[in-house]
Amino acid sequence: MKMSLRLFQATSVAFRHKSSEQKLPNYIEHATGLERKELLARAAGNDDPFGMKVFKRGPGTKDNPNLIPSFENKRIIGCICEEDSTAINWMWVHQDEPKRCGCGHWFKIVEAKPL
C-alpha cells in the first residue's frame, strides 16, 4: 500500500509542474562563471574560446615564427614534428622568447584576446 501512495505522489507532482506553464531557464541563462563565458563566446561564433584546438603549423622560420595565443606569459605546446609521427615533442614557450623545436620550426607567444 505504501508503494502505491508514493507512486501517486510522484505523479501528482509531475502533473502539477506541467500544468503551471512555467518554463525552465535557457541553458545560457542558467550557466555562471567560465561556463557562461564559454557558452556566450560559442554563441558569438568563437568555437574555440580557450585555444585548445590543434593549430596547423605555418612556415615557422626565425623571422616568421608560428604564433601561439596565450593568456599567460608562458605556455606549454606540443609539436608533431613529422606528419605520420605518433610522438609529440612538448616544450615551454615564454613571452618575448621565440623557441625552436627539434624539427626546426619556431614558435612565439602572442597575447590572446580575453573572452
PDB file of N, CA and C in Angstrom:
ATOM      1  N   MET A   1       0.824  -1.191   0.000  1.00  0.00           N
ATOM      2  CA  MET A   1       0.000   0.000   0.000  1.00  0.00           C
ATOM      3  C   MET A   1       0.870   1.256   0.000  1.00  0.00           C
ATOM      4  N   LYS A   2       2.025   1.218   0.669  1.00  0.00           N
ATOM      5  CA  LYS A   2       2.908   2.382   0.680  1.00  0.00           C
ATOM      6  C   LYS A   2       3.437   2.676  -0.725  1.00  0.00           C
ATOM      7  N   MET A   3       3.711   1.637  -1.477  1.00  0.00           N
ATOM      8  CA  MET A   3       4.266   1.833  -2.812  1.00  0.00           C
ATOM      9  C   MET A   3       3.260   2.559  -3.706  1.00  0.00           C
ATOM     10  N   SER A   4       2.025   2.233  -3.649  1.00  0.00           N
ATOM     11  CA  SER A   4       1.037   2.888  -4.495  1.00  0.00           C
ATOM     12  C   SER A   4       0.849   4.348  -4.073  1.00  0.00           C
ATOM     13  N   LEU A   5       0.996   4.664  -2.800  1.00  0.00           N
ATOM     14  CA  LEU A   5       0.885   6.041  -2.324  1.00  0.00           C
ATOM     15  C   LEU A   5       2.046   6.877  -2.850  1.00  0.00           C
ATOM     16  N   ARG A   6       3.253   6.354  -2.814  1.00  0.00           N
ATOM     17  CA  ARG A   6       4.415   7.077  -3.331  1.00  0.00           C
ATOM     18  C   ARG A   6       4.296   7.295  -4.830  1.00  0.00           C
ATOM     19  N   LEU A   7       3.848   6.318  -5.543  1.00  0.00           N
ATOM     20  CA  LEU A   7       3.675   6.449  -6.981  1.00  0.00           C
ATOM     21  C   LEU A   7       2.668   7.549  -7.284  1.00  0.00           C
ATOM     22  N   PHE A   8       1.600   7.631  -6.515  1.00  0.00           N
ATOM     23  CA  PHE A   8       0.594   8.673  -6.717  1.00  0.00           C
ATOM     24  C   PHE A   8       1.179  10.051  -6.417  1.00  0.00           C
ATOM     25  N   GLN A   9       2.011  10.193  -5.375  1.00  0.00           N
ATOM     26  CA  GLN A   9       2.606  11.482  -5.040  1.00  0.00           C
ATOM     27  C   GLN A   9       3.555  11.945  -6.146  1.00  0.00           C
ATOM     28  N   ALA A  10       4.369  11.058  -6.663  1.00  0.00           N
ATOM     29  CA  ALA A  10       5.310  11.430  -7.720  1.00  0.00           C
ATOM     30  C   ALA A  10       4.558  11.850  -8.979  1.00  0.00           C
ATOM     31  N   THR A  11       3.487  11.176  -9.290  1.00  0.00           N
ATOM     32  CA  THR A  11       2.700  11.522 -10.473  1.00  0.00           C
ATOM     33  C   THR A  11       2.018  12.865 -10.286  1.00  0.00           C
ATOM     34  N   SER A  12       1.504  13.131  -9.104  1.00  0.00           N
ATOM     35  CA  SER A  12       0.793  14.383  -8.882  1.00  0.00           C
ATOM     36  C   SER A  12       1.747  15.578  -8.922  1.00  0.00           C
ATOM     37  N   VAL A  13       2.992  15.413  -8.457  1.00  0.00           N
ATOM     38  CA  VAL A  13       3.967  16.493  -8.500  1.00  0.00           C
ATOM     39  C   VAL A  13       4.331  16.805  -9.948  1.00  0.00           C
ATOM     40  N   ALA A  14       4.551  15.789 -10.750  1.00  0.00           N
ATOM     41  CA  ALA A  14       4.888  15.998 -12.154  1.00  0.00           C
ATOM     42  C   ALA A  14       3.710  16.649 -12.881  1.00  0.00           C
ATOM     43  N   PHE A  15       2.513  16.238 -12.566  1.00  0.00           N
ATOM     44  CA  PHE A  15       1.335  16.814 -13.205  1.00  0.00           C
ATOM     45  C   PHE A  15       1.182  18.280 -12.803  1.00  0.00           C
ATOM     46  N   ARG A  16       1.427  18.600 -11.544  1.00  0.00           N
ATOM     47  CA  ARG A  16       1.314  19.969 -11.063  1.00  0.00           C
ATOM     48  C   ARG A  16       2.320  20.876 -11.771  1.00  0.00           C
ATOM     49  N   HIS A  17       3.564  20.403 -11.953  1.00  0.00           N
ATOM     50  CA  HIS A  17       4.597  21.203 -12.627  1.00  0.00           C
ATOM     51  C   HIS A  17       4.216  21.442 -14.086  1.00  0.00           C
ATOM     52  N   LYS A  18       3.696  20.428 -14.739  1.00  0.00           N
ATOM     53  CA  LYS A  18       3.337  20.553 -16.149  1.00  0.00           C
ATOM     54  C   LYS A  18       2.186  21.532 -16.334  1.00  0.00           C
ATOM     55  N   SER A  19       1.269  21.551 -15.413  1.00  0.00           N
ATOM     56  CA  SER A  19       0.106  22.418 -15.564  1.00  0.00           C
ATOM     57  C   SER A  19       0.400  23.867 -15.191  1.00  0.00           C
ATOM     58  N   SER A  20       1.531  24.156 -14.544  1.00  0.00           N
ATOM     59  CA  SER A  20       1.809  25.519 -14.112  1.00  0.00           C
ATOM     60  C   SER A  20       2.310  26.396 -15.262  1.00  0.00           C
ATOM     61  N   GLU A  21       2.655  25.799 -16.406  1.00  0.00           N
ATOM     62  CA  GLU A  21       3.099  26.529 -17.592  1.00  0.00           C
ATOM     63  C   GLU A  21       4.379  27.331 -17.362  1.00  0.00           C
ATOM     64  N   GLN A  22       5.195  26.963 -16.396  1.00  0.00           N
ATOM     65  CA  GLN A  22       6.472  27.616 -16.190  1.00  0.00           C
ATOM     66  C   GLN A  22       7.535  26.868 -16.981  1.00  0.00           C
ATOM     67  N   LYS A  23       8.437  27.623 -17.560  1.00  0.00           N
ATOM     68  CA  LYS A  23       9.490  27.007 -18.347  1.00  0.00           C
ATOM     69  C   LYS A  23      10.799  27.057 -17.573  1.00  0.00           C
ATOM     70  N   LEU A  24      11.643  26.090 -17.815  1.00  0.00           N
ATOM     71  CA  LEU A  24      12.967  26.091 -17.218  1.00  0.00           C
ATOM     72  C   LEU A  24      13.811  27.161 -17.898  1.00  0.00           C
ATOM     73  N   PRO A  25      14.792  27.734 -17.204  1.00  0.00           N
ATOM     74  CA  PRO A  25      15.620  28.754 -17.828  1.00  0.00           C
ATOM     75  C   PRO A  25      16.459  28.172 -18.970  1.00  0.00           C
ATOM     76  N   ASN A  26      16.798  29.022 -19.911  1.00  0.00           N
ATOM     77  CA  ASN A  26      17.660  28.639 -21.008  1.00  0.00           C
ATOM     78  C   ASN A  26      19.016  28.210 -20.424  1.00  0.00           C
ATOM     79  N   TYR A  27      19.718  27.304 -21.080  1.00  0.00           N
ATOM     80  CA  TYR A  27      20.980  26.810 -20.524  1.00  0.00           C
ATOM     81  C   TYR A  27      22.021  27.925 -20.408  1.00  0.00           C
ATOM     82  N   ILE A  28      21.985  28.930 -21.265  1.00  0.00           N
ATOM     83  CA  ILE A  28      22.929  30.045 -21.143  1.00  0.00           C
ATOM     84  C   ILE A  28      22.550  30.926 -19.950  1.00  0.00           C
ATOM     85  N   GLU A  29      21.280  31.144 -19.728  1.00  0.00           N
ATOM     86  CA  GLU A  29      20.841  31.941 -18.584  1.00  0.00           C
ATOM     87  C   GLU A  29      21.153  31.240 -17.269  1.00  0.00           C
ATOM     88  N   HIS A  30      21.179  29.932 -17.291  1.00  0.00           N
ATOM     89  CA  HIS A  30      21.403  29.147 -16.077  1.00  0.00           C
ATOM     90  C   HIS A  30      22.895  29.037 -15.733  1.00  0.00           C
ATOM     91  N   ALA A  31      23.782  29.158 -16.732  1.00  0.00           N
ATOM     92  CA  ALA A  31      25.219  28.983 -16.521  1.00  0.00           C
ATOM     93  C   ALA A  31      25.824  30.211 -15.834  1.00  0.00           C
ATOM     94  N   THR A  32      26.923  29.977 -15.119  1.00  0.00           N
ATOM     95  CA  THR A  32      27.644  31.061 -14.450  1.00  0.00           C
ATOM     96  C   THR A  32      29.142  30.889 -14.664  1.00  0.00           C
ATOM     97  N   GLY A  33      29.897  31.931 -14.384  1.00  0.00           N
ATOM     98  CA  GLY A  33      31.355  31.868 -14.397  1.00  0.00           C
ATOM     99  C   GLY A  33      31.938  31.592 -15.771  1.00  0.00           C
ATOM    100  N   LEU A  34      32.991  30.758 -15.793  1.00  0.00           N
ATOM    101  CA  LEU A  34      33.673  30.445 -17.044  1.00  0.00           C
ATOM    102  C   LEU A  34      32.777  29.693 -18.019  1.00  0.00           C
ATOM    103  N   GLU A  35      31.881  28.864 -17.485  1.00  0.00           N
ATOM    104  CA  GLU A  35      30.970  28.138 -18.364  1.00  0.00           C
ATOM    105  C   GLU A  35      30.101  29.117 -19.146  1.00  0.00           C
ATOM    106  N   ARG A  36      29.614  30.161 -18.489  1.00  0.00           N
ATOM    107  CA  ARG A  36      28.785  31.161 -19.157  1.00  0.00           C
ATOM    108  C   ARG A  36      29.587  31.918 -20.219  1.00  0.00           C
ATOM    109  N   LYS A  37      30.834  32.290 -19.879  1.00  0.00           N
ATOM    110  CA  LYS A  37      31.689  32.973 -20.856  1.00  0.00           C
ATOM    111  C   LYS A  37      31.929  32.093 -22.074  1.00  0.00           C
ATOM    112  N   GLU A  38      32.156  30.812 -21.834  1.00  0.00           N
ATOM    113  CA  GLU A  38      32.384  29.893 -22.943  1.00  0.00           C
ATOM    114  C   GLU A  38      31.134  29.772 -23.817  1.00  0.00           C
ATOM    115  N   LEU A  39      29.968  29.623 -23.205  1.00  0.00           N
ATOM    116  CA  LEU A  39      28.735  29.498 -23.971  1.00  0.00           C
ATOM    117  C   LEU A  39      28.436  30.769 -24.768  1.00  0.00           C
ATOM    118  N   LEU A  40      28.672  31.939 -24.170  1.00  0.00           N
ATOM    119  CA  LEU A  40      28.443  33.199 -24.881  1.00  0.00           C
ATOM    120  C   LEU A  40      29.428  33.354 -26.038  1.00  0.00           C
ATOM    121  N   ALA A  41      30.677  32.937 -25.842  1.00  0.00           N
ATOM    122  CA  ALA A  41      31.670  33.009 -26.922  1.00  0.00           C
ATOM    123  C   ALA A  41      31.283  32.075 -28.067  1.00  0.00           C
ATOM    124  N   ARG A  42      30.815  30.885 -27.731  1.00  0.00           N
ATOM    125  CA  ARG A  42      30.387  29.942 -28.771  1.00  0.00           C
ATOM    126  C   ARG A  42      29.158  30.461 -29.514  1.00  0.00           C
ATOM    127  N   ALA A  43      28.240  31.106 -28.800  1.00  0.00           N
ATOM    128  CA  ALA A  43      27.060  31.686 -29.442  1.00  0.00           C
ATOM    129  C   ALA A  43      27.445  32.836 -30.368  1.00  0.00           C
ATOM    130  N   ALA A  44      28.548  33.527 -30.046  1.00  0.00           N
ATOM    131  CA  ALA A  44      29.016  34.637 -30.886  1.00  0.00           C
ATOM    132  C   ALA A  44      29.839  34.141 -32.074  1.00  0.00           C
ATOM    133  N   GLY A  45      30.087  32.842 -32.168  1.00  0.00           N
ATOM    134  CA  GLY A  45      30.793  32.291 -33.318  1.00  0.00           C
ATOM    135  C   GLY A  45      32.214  31.849 -33.039  1.00  0.00           C
ATOM    136  N   ASN A  46      32.703  31.975 -31.821  1.00  0.00           N
ATOM    137  CA  ASN A  46      34.056  31.535 -31.462  1.00  0.00           C
ATOM    138  C   ASN A  46      33.966  30.095 -30.963  1.00  0.00           C
ATOM    139  N   ASP A  47      34.288  29.131 -31.823  1.00  0.00           N
ATOM    140  CA  ASP A  47      34.139  27.728 -31.435  1.00  0.00           C
ATOM    141  C   ASP A  47      35.318  27.186 -30.628  1.00  0.00           C
ATOM    142  N   ASP A  48      36.343  28.009 -30.402  1.00  0.00           N
ATOM    143  CA  ASP A  48      37.497  27.596 -29.605  1.00  0.00           C
ATOM    144  C   ASP A  48      37.910  28.735 -28.673  1.00  0.00           C
ATOM    145  N   PRO A  49      37.077  29.080 -27.672  1.00  0.00           N
ATOM    146  CA  PRO A  49      37.363  30.255 -26.854  1.00  0.00           C
ATOM    147  C   PRO A  49      38.608  30.133 -25.980  1.00  0.00           C
ATOM    148  N   PHE A  50      39.058  28.926 -25.659  1.00  0.00           N
ATOM    149  CA  PHE A  50      40.224  28.760 -24.793  1.00  0.00           C
ATOM    150  C   PHE A  50      41.468  28.309 -25.556  1.00  0.00           C
ATOM    151  N   GLY A  51      41.430  28.283 -26.876  1.00  0.00           N
ATOM    152  CA  GLY A  51      42.595  27.934 -27.690  1.00  0.00           C
ATOM    153  C   GLY A  51      43.084  26.517 -27.483  1.00  0.00           C
ATOM    154  N   MET A  52      42.175  25.552 -27.450  1.00  0.00           N
ATOM    155  CA  MET A  52      42.555  24.172 -27.177  1.00  0.00           C
ATOM    156  C   MET A  52      42.657  23.317 -28.444  1.00  0.00           C
ATOM    157  N   LYS A  53      42.255  23.838 -29.588  1.00  0.00           N
ATOM    158  CA  LYS A  53      42.301  23.051 -30.816  1.00  0.00           C
ATOM    159  C   LYS A  53      43.715  22.995 -31.379  1.00  0.00           C
ATOM    160  N   VAL A  54      43.943  22.043 -32.240  1.00  0.00           N
ATOM    161  CA  VAL A  54      45.240  21.861 -32.871  1.00  0.00           C
ATOM    162  C   VAL A  54      45.436  22.938 -33.932  1.00  0.00           C
ATOM    163  N   PHE A  55      46.619  23.570 -33.931  1.00  0.00           N
ATOM    164  CA  PHE A  55      46.967  24.574 -34.932  1.00  0.00           C
ATOM    165  C   PHE A  55      47.725  23.906 -36.069  1.00  0.00           C
ATOM    166  N   LYS A  56      47.493  24.351 -37.270  1.00  0.00           N
ATOM    167  CA  LYS A  56      48.327  23.944 -38.395  1.00  0.00           C
ATOM    168  C   LYS A  56      49.568  24.811 -38.376  1.00  0.00           C
ATOM    169  N   ARG A  57      50.730  24.195 -38.490  1.00  0.00           N
ATOM    170  CA  ARG A  57      51.970  24.964 -38.499  1.00  0.00           C
ATOM    171  C   ARG A  57      52.093  25.742 -39.793  1.00  0.00           C
ATOM    172  N   GLY A  58      52.654  26.931 -39.646  1.00  0.00           N
ATOM    173  CA  GLY A  58      52.955  27.758 -40.809  1.00  0.00           C
ATOM    174  C   GLY A  58      54.399  27.540 -41.221  1.00  0.00           C
ATOM    175  N   PRO A  59      55.022  28.566 -41.800  1.00  0.00           N
ATOM    176  CA  PRO A  59      56.410  28.411 -42.220  1.00  0.00           C
ATOM    177  C   PRO A  59      57.349  28.141 -41.056  1.00  0.00           C
ATOM    178  N   GLY A  60      57.136  28.802 -39.918  1.00  0.00           N
ATOM    179  CA  GLY A  60      57.906  28.522 -38.717  1.00  0.00           C
ATOM    180  C   GLY A  60      59.375  28.874 -38.800  1.00  0.00           C
ATOM    181  N   THR A  61      59.707  29.938 -39.525  1.00  0.00           N
ATOM    182  CA  THR A  61      61.102  30.372 -39.585  1.00  0.00           C
ATOM    183  C   THR A  61      61.389  31.293 -38.409  1.00  0.00           C
ATOM    184  N   LYS A  62      62.664  31.639 -38.214  1.00  0.00           N
ATOM    185  CA  LYS A  62      63.014  32.525 -37.113  1.00  0.00           C
ATOM    186  C   LYS A  62      62.413  33.915 -37.324  1.00  0.00           C
ATOM    187  N   ASP A  63      62.376  34.376 -38.572  1.00  0.00           N
ATOM    188  CA  ASP A  63      61.801  35.686 -38.878  1.00  0.00           C
ATOM    189  C   ASP A  63      60.273  35.668 -38.899  1.00  0.00           C
ATOM    190  N   ASN A  64      59.677  34.522 -39.181  1.00  0.00           N
ATOM    191  CA  ASN A  64      58.217  34.384 -39.264  1.00  0.00           C
ATOM    192  C   ASN A  64      57.785  33.147 -38.470  1.00  0.00           C
ATOM    193  N   PRO A  65      57.824  33.219 -37.118  1.00  0.00           N
ATOM    194  CA  PRO A  65      57.502  32.030 -36.310  1.00  0.00           C
ATOM    195  C   PRO A  65      56.002  31.747 -36.280  1.00  0.00           C
ATOM    196  N   ASN A  66      55.660  30.541 -35.868  1.00  0.00           N
ATOM    197  CA  ASN A  66      54.259  30.186 -35.644  1.00  0.00           C
ATOM    198  C   ASN A  66      53.791  30.922 -34.396  1.00  0.00           C
ATOM    199  N   LEU A  67      52.689  31.660 -34.511  1.00  0.00           N
ATOM    200  CA  LEU A  67      52.186  32.473 -33.395  1.00  0.00           C
ATOM    201  C   LEU A  67      51.215  31.653 -32.565  1.00  0.00           C
ATOM    202  N   ILE A  68      51.470  31.580 -31.268  1.00  0.00           N
ATOM    203  CA  ILE A  68      50.660  30.804 -30.333  1.00  0.00           C
ATOM    204  C   ILE A  68      49.991  31.765 -29.364  1.00  0.00           C
ATOM    205  N   PRO A  69      48.640  31.877 -29.394  1.00  0.00           N
ATOM    206  CA  PRO A  69      47.971  32.774 -28.440  1.00  0.00           C
ATOM    207  C   PRO A  69      48.005  32.199 -27.028  1.00  0.00           C
ATOM    208  N   SER A  70      48.187  33.093 -26.041  1.00  0.00           N
ATOM    209  CA  SER A  70      48.242  32.661 -24.654  1.00  0.00           C
ATOM    210  C   SER A  70      47.715  33.768 -23.747  1.00  0.00           C
ATOM    211  N   PHE A  71      47.016  33.378 -22.680  1.00  0.00           N
ATOM    212  CA  PHE A  71      46.527  34.322 -21.679  1.00  0.00           C
ATOM    213  C   PHE A  71      47.589  34.592 -20.619  1.00  0.00           C
ATOM    214  N   GLU A  72      48.624  33.780 -20.573  1.00  0.00           N
ATOM    215  CA  GLU A  72      49.692  33.899 -19.580  1.00  0.00           C
ATOM    216  C   GLU A  72      50.993  34.278 -20.283  1.00  0.00           C
ATOM    217  N   ASN A  73      52.069  34.452 -19.511  1.00  0.00           N
ATOM    218  CA  ASN A  73      53.346  34.819 -20.114  1.00  0.00           C
ATOM    219  C   ASN A  73      54.163  33.606 -20.553  1.00  0.00           C
ATOM    220  N   LYS A  74      53.630  32.396 -20.369  1.00  0.00           N
ATOM    221  CA  LYS A  74      54.258  31.178 -20.878  1.00  0.00           C
ATOM    222  C   LYS A  74      53.177  30.145 -21.166  1.00  0.00           C
ATOM    223  N   ARG A  75      53.515  29.196 -22.023  1.00  0.00           N
ATOM    224  CA  ARG A  75      52.546  28.163 -22.385  1.00  0.00           C
ATOM    225  C   ARG A  75      53.304  26.922 -22.827  1.00  0.00           C
ATOM    226  N   ILE A  76      52.759  25.762 -22.477  1.00  0.00           N
ATOM    227  CA  ILE A  76      53.346  24.511 -22.934  1.00  0.00           C
ATOM    228  C   ILE A  76      52.649  24.135 -24.237  1.00  0.00           C
ATOM    229  N   ILE A  77      53.447  23.782 -25.243  1.00  0.00           N
ATOM    230  CA  ILE A  77      52.877  23.405 -26.539  1.00  0.00           C
ATOM    231  C   ILE A  77      53.465  22.070 -26.958  1.00  0.00           C
ATOM    232  N   GLY A  78      52.793  21.429 -27.877  1.00  0.00           N
ATOM    233  CA  GLY A  78      53.271  20.173 -28.428  1.00  0.00           C
ATOM    234  C   GLY A  78      53.436  20.303 -29.923  1.00  0.00           C
ATOM    235  N   CYS A  79      54.553  19.826 -30.441  1.00  0.00           N
ATOM    236  CA  CYS A  79      54.835  19.881 -31.875  1.00  0.00           C
ATOM    237  C   CYS A  79      54.881  18.447 -32.401  1.00  0.00           C
ATOM    238  N   ILE A  80      54.069  18.174 -33.410  1.00  0.00           N
ATOM    239  CA  ILE A  80      54.138  16.886 -34.092  1.00  0.00           C
ATOM    240  C   ILE A  80      55.090  17.106 -35.258  1.00  0.00           C
ATOM    241  N   CYS A  81      56.332  16.724 -35.051  1.00  0.00           N
ATOM    242  CA  CYS A  81      57.411  17.098 -35.973  1.00  0.00           C
ATOM    243  C   CYS A  81      57.237  16.502 -37.371  1.00  0.00           C
ATOM    244  N   GLU A  82      56.787  15.276 -37.466  1.00  0.00           N
ATOM    245  CA  GLU A  82      56.550  14.643 -38.758  1.00  0.00           C
ATOM    246  C   GLU A  82      55.071  14.295 -38.860  1.00  0.00           C
ATOM    247  N   GLU A  83      54.539  14.361 -40.050  1.00  0.00           N
ATOM    248  CA  GLU A  83      53.102  14.170 -40.260  1.00  0.00           C
ATOM    249  C   GLU A  83      52.606  12.816 -39.753  1.00  0.00           C
ATOM    250  N   ASP A  84      53.364  11.777 -39.949  1.00  0.00           N
ATOM    251  CA  ASP A  84      52.942  10.432 -39.549  1.00  0.00           C
ATOM    252  C   ASP A  84      53.459  10.026 -38.177  1.00  0.00           C
ATOM    253  N   SER A  85      54.044  10.943 -37.452  1.00  0.00           N
ATOM    254  CA  SER A  85      54.633  10.632 -36.157  1.00  0.00           C
ATOM    255  C   SER A  85      53.546  10.341 -35.114  1.00  0.00           C
ATOM    256  N   THR A  86      53.852   9.433 -34.224  1.00  0.00           N
ATOM    257  CA  THR A  86      52.929   9.126 -33.124  1.00  0.00           C
ATOM    258  C   THR A  86      53.385   9.775 -31.826  1.00  0.00           C
ATOM    259  N   ALA A  87      54.527  10.441 -31.848  1.00  0.00           N
ATOM    260  CA  ALA A  87      55.067  11.091 -30.655  1.00  0.00           C
ATOM    261  C   ALA A  87      54.900  12.612 -30.777  1.00  0.00           C
ATOM    262  N   ILE A  88      54.715  13.261 -29.635  1.00  0.00           N
ATOM    263  CA  ILE A  88      54.573  14.714 -29.587  1.00  0.00           C
ATOM    264  C   ILE A  88      55.753  15.271 -28.814  1.00  0.00           C
ATOM    265  N   ASN A  89      56.389  16.303 -29.369  1.00  0.00           N
ATOM    266  CA  ASN A  89      57.514  16.965 -28.715  1.00  0.00           C
ATOM    267  C   ASN A  89      56.954  18.134 -27.901  1.00  0.00           C
ATOM    268  N   TRP A  90      56.904  17.994 -26.574  1.00  0.00           N
ATOM    269  CA  TRP A  90      56.353  19.027 -25.690  1.00  0.00           C
ATOM    270  C   TRP A  90      57.452  19.997 -25.280  1.00  0.00           C
ATOM    271  N   MET A  91      57.112  21.298 -25.217  1.00  0.00           N
ATOM    272  CA  MET A  91      58.092  22.307 -24.805  1.00  0.00           C
ATOM    273  C   MET A  91      57.377  23.535 -24.249  1.00  0.00           C
ATOM    274  N   TRP A  92      58.076  24.264 -23.389  1.00  0.00           N
ATOM    275  CA  TRP A  92      57.577  25.521 -22.852  1.00  0.00           C
ATOM    276  C   TRP A  92      58.003  26.654 -23.769  1.00  0.00           C
ATOM    277  N   VAL A  93      57.066  27.570 -24.052  1.00  0.00           N
ATOM    278  CA  VAL A  93      57.384  28.773 -24.823  1.00  0.00           C
ATOM    279  C   VAL A  93      57.069  29.958 -23.922  1.00  0.00           C
ATOM    280  N   HIS A  94      58.041  30.870 -23.777  1.00  0.00           N
ATOM    281  CA  HIS A  94      57.885  32.038 -22.912  1.00  0.00           C
ATOM    282  C   HIS A  94      57.660  33.287 -23.750  1.00  0.00           C
ATOM    283  N   GLN A  95      56.960  34.261 -23.158  1.00  0.00           N
ATOM    284  CA  GLN A  95      56.682  35.537 -23.825  1.00  0.00           C
ATOM    285  C   GLN A  95      57.998  36.214 -24.218  1.00  0.00           C
ATOM    286  N   ASP A  96      58.049  36.805 -25.400  1.00  0.00           N
ATOM    287  CA  ASP A  96      59.195  37.554 -25.931  1.00  0.00           C
ATOM    288  C   ASP A  96      60.450  36.703 -26.108  1.00  0.00           C
ATOM    289  N   GLU A  97      60.308  35.383 -26.084  1.00  0.00           N
ATOM    290  CA  GLU A  97      61.435  34.485 -26.320  1.00  0.00           C
ATOM    291  C   GLU A  97      60.999  33.401 -27.306  1.00  0.00           C
ATOM    292  N   PRO A  98      61.158  33.631 -28.613  1.00  0.00           N
ATOM    293  CA  PRO A  98      60.788  32.580 -29.572  1.00  0.00           C
ATOM    294  C   PRO A  98      61.565  31.291 -29.282  1.00  0.00           C
ATOM    295  N   LYS A  99      60.919  30.165 -29.500  1.00  0.00           N
ATOM    296  CA  LYS A  99      61.526  28.861 -29.175  1.00  0.00           C
ATOM    297  C   LYS A  99      61.568  28.005 -30.434  1.00  0.00           C
ATOM    298  N   ARG A 100      62.666  27.296 -30.611  1.00  0.00           N
ATOM    299  CA  ARG A 100      62.842  26.420 -31.770  1.00  0.00           C
ATOM    300  C   ARG A 100      62.653  24.977 -31.333  1.00  0.00           C
ATOM    301  N   CYS A 101      61.839  24.261 -32.089  1.00  0.00           N
ATOM    302  CA  CYS A 101      61.628  22.838 -31.845  1.00  0.00           C
ATOM    303  C   CYS A 101      62.802  22.060 -32.442  1.00  0.00           C
ATOM    304  N   GLY A 102      62.935  20.820 -32.068  1.00  0.00           N
ATOM    305  CA  GLY A 102      63.992  19.968 -32.603  1.00  0.00           C
ATOM    306  C   GLY A 102      63.879  19.752 -34.106  1.00  0.00           C
ATOM    307  N   CYS A 103      62.664  19.882 -34.654  1.00  0.00           N
ATOM    308  CA  CYS A 103      62.471  19.691 -36.094  1.00  0.00           C
ATOM    309  C   CYS A 103      62.789  20.960 -36.889  1.00  0.00           C
ATOM    310  N   GLY A 104      63.051  22.075 -36.203  1.00  0.00           N
ATOM    311  CA  GLY A 104      63.441  23.299 -36.887  1.00  0.00           C
ATOM    312  C   GLY A 104      62.367  24.373 -36.943  1.00  0.00           C
ATOM    313  N   HIS A 105      61.150  24.092 -36.539  1.00  0.00           N
ATOM    314  CA  HIS A 105      60.082  25.085 -36.547  1.00  0.00           C
ATOM    315  C   HIS A 105      60.193  26.000 -35.327  1.00  0.00           C
ATOM    316  N   TRP A 106      59.907  27.288 -35.528  1.00  0.00           N
ATOM    317  CA  TRP A 106      59.965  28.288 -34.470  1.00  0.00           C
ATOM    318  C   TRP A 106      58.555  28.621 -34.002  1.00  0.00           C
ATOM    319  N   PHE A 107      58.415  28.919 -32.707  1.00  0.00           N
ATOM    320  CA  PHE A 107      57.137  29.272 -32.098  1.00  0.00           C
ATOM    321  C   PHE A 107      57.322  30.516 -31.238  1.00  0.00           C
ATOM    322  N   LYS A 108      56.283  31.344 -31.212  1.00  0.00           N
ATOM    323  CA  LYS A 108      56.326  32.578 -30.417  1.00  0.00           C
ATOM    324  C   LYS A 108      54.962  32.819 -29.797  1.00  0.00           C
ATOM    325  N   ILE A 109      54.954  33.264 -28.539  1.00  0.00           N
ATOM    326  CA  ILE A 109      53.701  33.562 -27.819  1.00  0.00           C
ATOM    327  C   ILE A 109      53.224  34.966 -28.189  1.00  0.00           C
ATOM    328  N   VAL A 110      51.931  35.081 -28.454  1.00  0.00           N
ATOM    329  CA  VAL A 110      51.285  36.382 -28.629  1.00  0.00           C
ATOM    330  C   VAL A 110      50.134  36.461 -27.641  1.00  0.00           C
ATOM    331  N   GLU A 111      49.778  37.653 -27.245  1.00  0.00           N
ATOM    332  CA  GLU A 111      48.706  37.832 -26.254  1.00  0.00           C
ATOM    333  C   GLU A 111      47.359  37.459 -26.860  1.00  0.00           C
ATOM    334  N   ALA A 112      46.638  36.599 -26.175  1.00  0.00           N
ATOM    335  CA  ALA A 112      45.314  36.165 -26.631  1.00  0.00           C
ATOM    336  C   ALA A 112      44.265  37.208 -26.230  1.00  0.00           C
ATOM    337  N   LYS A 113      43.229  37.321 -27.030  1.00  0.00           N
ATOM    338  CA  LYS A 113      42.133  38.232 -26.717  1.00  0.00           C
ATOM    339  C   LYS A 113      41.320  37.654 -25.563  1.00  0.00           C
ATOM    340  N   PRO A 114      40.983  38.454 -24.574  1.00  0.00           N
ATOM    341  CA  PRO A 114      40.169  37.935 -23.468  1.00  0.00           C
ATOM    342  C   PRO A 114      38.754  37.607 -23.937  1.00  0.00           C
ATOM    343  N   LEU A 115      38.107  36.720 -23.200  1.00  0.00           N
ATOM    344  CA  LEU A 115      36.723  36.341 -23.548  1.00  0.00           C
ATOM    345  C   LEU A 115      35.768  37.486 -23.330  1.00  0.00           C
TER     346      LEU A 115
END
